[in-house]
């Protein structure tokens, strides 16, 4: 694996860890809103994701 890919993966993992702490403290409404936002983003980019894979 290249250093660029490894660095990207490490960066994303660190970001996920920070986000998980914030999400653990969030209220249900905030979590639900975050999930709806993620679902909308996935729907909007599904074509590009499928084409890339």
N, C-alpha and C. Protein backbone atom coordinates (compact mmCIF):
# COMPACT_ATOMS: atom_id res chain seq x y z
N UNK A 1 0.85 -1.17 0.00
CA UNK A 1 0.00 0.00 0.00
C UNK A 1 0.89 1.24 0.00
N UNK A 2 0.52 2.23 -0.77
CA UNK A 2 1.34 3.42 -0.86
C UNK A 2 1.24 4.27 0.40
N UNK A 3 2.23 5.13 0.59
CA UNK A 3 2.21 6.03 1.75
C UNK A 3 1.01 6.97 1.70
N UNK A 4 0.61 7.36 0.50
CA UNK A 4 -0.54 8.26 0.36
C UNK A 4 -1.80 7.57 0.84
N UNK A 5 -2.00 6.34 0.41
CA UNK A 5 -3.19 5.58 0.82
C UNK A 5 -3.15 5.32 2.32
N UNK A 6 -2.00 4.91 2.83
CA UNK A 6 -1.86 4.66 4.27
C UNK A 6 -2.15 5.92 5.07
N UNK A 7 -1.61 7.04 4.61
CA UNK A 7 -1.86 8.32 5.29
C UNK A 7 -3.32 8.69 5.26
N UNK A 8 -3.97 8.46 4.14
CA UNK A 8 -5.40 8.78 4.01
C UNK A 8 -6.22 7.90 4.96
N UNK A 9 -5.90 6.64 5.02
CA UNK A 9 -6.62 5.72 5.89
C UNK A 9 -6.43 6.13 7.35
N UNK A 10 -5.19 6.45 7.72
CA UNK A 10 -4.92 6.86 9.10
C UNK A 10 -5.67 8.14 9.44
N UNK A 11 -5.70 9.09 8.52
CA UNK A 11 -6.42 10.35 8.73
C UNK A 11 -7.90 10.09 8.93
N UNK A 12 -8.48 9.27 8.08
CA UNK A 12 -9.92 8.97 8.19
C UNK A 12 -10.23 8.25 9.50
N UNK A 13 -9.37 7.38 9.94
CA UNK A 13 -9.59 6.67 11.20
C UNK A 13 -9.55 7.65 12.38
N UNK A 14 -8.62 8.57 12.35
CA UNK A 14 -8.55 9.58 13.41
C UNK A 14 -9.80 10.47 13.41
N UNK A 15 -10.25 10.84 12.22
CA UNK A 15 -11.46 11.65 12.12
C UNK A 15 -12.67 10.89 12.64
N UNK A 16 -12.74 9.61 12.34
CA UNK A 16 -13.86 8.78 12.80
C UNK A 16 -13.85 8.67 14.32
N UNK A 17 -12.68 8.57 14.91
CA UNK A 17 -12.58 8.46 16.36
C UNK A 17 -13.08 9.74 17.03
N UNK A 18 -12.68 10.88 16.50
CA UNK A 18 -13.16 12.16 17.02
C UNK A 18 -14.67 12.28 16.86
N UNK A 19 -15.16 11.91 15.69
CA UNK A 19 -16.60 11.99 15.43
C UNK A 19 -17.38 11.05 16.34
N UNK A 20 -16.84 9.89 16.63
CA UNK A 20 -17.56 8.94 17.48
C UNK A 20 -17.74 9.48 18.89
N UNK A 21 -16.78 10.23 19.36
CA UNK A 21 -16.90 10.83 20.70
C UNK A 21 -18.01 11.87 20.71
N UNK A 22 -18.06 12.70 19.69
CA UNK A 22 -19.11 13.71 19.60
C UNK A 22 -20.48 13.05 19.45
N UNK A 23 -20.53 12.01 18.65
CA UNK A 23 -21.79 11.31 18.41
C UNK A 23 -22.29 10.62 19.68
N UNK A 24 -21.38 10.14 20.49
CA UNK A 24 -21.77 9.48 21.74
C UNK A 24 -22.49 10.44 22.68
N UNK A 25 -22.15 11.72 22.60
CA UNK A 25 -22.76 12.73 23.47
C UNK A 25 -23.98 13.41 22.85
N UNK A 26 -24.22 13.13 21.58
CA UNK A 26 -25.32 13.80 20.87
C UNK A 26 -26.68 13.25 21.29
N UNK A 27 -27.66 14.11 21.19
CA UNK A 27 -29.03 13.70 21.47
C UNK A 27 -29.57 12.89 20.31
N UNK A 28 -30.62 12.13 20.56
CA UNK A 28 -31.19 11.26 19.54
C UNK A 28 -31.56 12.04 18.27
N UNK A 29 -32.14 13.22 18.44
CA UNK A 29 -32.54 14.02 17.28
C UNK A 29 -31.33 14.38 16.42
N UNK A 30 -30.22 14.67 17.08
CA UNK A 30 -29.01 15.01 16.34
C UNK A 30 -28.46 13.79 15.59
N UNK A 31 -28.52 12.65 16.24
CA UNK A 31 -28.05 11.42 15.60
C UNK A 31 -28.93 11.07 14.40
N UNK A 32 -30.24 11.22 14.59
CA UNK A 32 -31.17 10.93 13.50
C UNK A 32 -30.92 11.86 12.31
N UNK A 33 -30.67 13.14 12.60
CA UNK A 33 -30.40 14.10 11.54
C UNK A 33 -29.11 13.75 10.81
N UNK A 34 -28.10 13.32 11.55
CA UNK A 34 -26.84 12.92 10.94
C UNK A 34 -27.04 11.72 10.02
N UNK A 35 -27.81 10.75 10.47
CA UNK A 35 -28.08 9.57 9.65
C UNK A 35 -28.85 9.92 8.39
N UNK A 36 -29.82 10.82 8.53
CA UNK A 36 -30.58 11.25 7.33
C UNK A 36 -29.66 11.96 6.34
N UNK A 37 -28.75 12.77 6.85
CA UNK A 37 -27.80 13.46 5.99
C UNK A 37 -26.87 12.50 5.27
N UNK A 38 -26.39 11.50 5.99
CA UNK A 38 -25.52 10.49 5.37
C UNK A 38 -26.28 9.70 4.30
N UNK A 39 -27.52 9.34 4.61
CA UNK A 39 -28.32 8.59 3.64
C UNK A 39 -28.56 9.42 2.38
N UNK A 40 -28.84 10.70 2.54
CA UNK A 40 -29.06 11.57 1.39
C UNK A 40 -27.79 11.68 0.55
N UNK A 41 -26.65 11.82 1.22
CA UNK A 41 -25.38 11.92 0.49
C UNK A 41 -25.08 10.64 -0.27
N UNK A 42 -25.37 9.50 0.33
CA UNK A 42 -25.16 8.23 -0.37
C UNK A 42 -26.06 8.09 -1.59
N UNK A 43 -27.30 8.51 -1.44
CA UNK A 43 -28.23 8.44 -2.57
C UNK A 43 -27.77 9.36 -3.70
N UNK A 44 -27.29 10.54 -3.35
CA UNK A 44 -26.85 11.51 -4.37
C UNK A 44 -25.61 11.04 -5.12
N UNK A 45 -24.76 10.28 -4.45
CA UNK A 45 -23.49 9.87 -5.07
C UNK A 45 -23.45 8.40 -5.44
N UNK A 46 -24.58 7.71 -5.33
CA UNK A 46 -24.61 6.27 -5.61
C UNK A 46 -24.10 5.94 -7.00
N UNK A 47 -24.49 6.71 -7.99
CA UNK A 47 -24.04 6.43 -9.35
C UNK A 47 -22.53 6.50 -9.49
N UNK A 48 -21.92 7.51 -8.91
CA UNK A 48 -20.47 7.65 -8.99
C UNK A 48 -19.76 6.54 -8.21
N UNK A 49 -20.31 6.18 -7.06
CA UNK A 49 -19.71 5.11 -6.26
C UNK A 49 -19.77 3.79 -7.02
N UNK A 50 -20.92 3.49 -7.59
CA UNK A 50 -21.05 2.24 -8.35
C UNK A 50 -20.16 2.22 -9.58
N UNK A 51 -20.03 3.35 -10.24
CA UNK A 51 -19.19 3.42 -11.44
C UNK A 51 -17.73 3.22 -11.09
N UNK A 52 -17.31 3.73 -9.93
CA UNK A 52 -15.92 3.61 -9.52
C UNK A 52 -15.56 2.20 -9.06
N UNK A 53 -16.58 1.44 -8.70
CA UNK A 53 -16.31 0.10 -8.20
C UNK A 53 -16.72 -0.92 -9.23
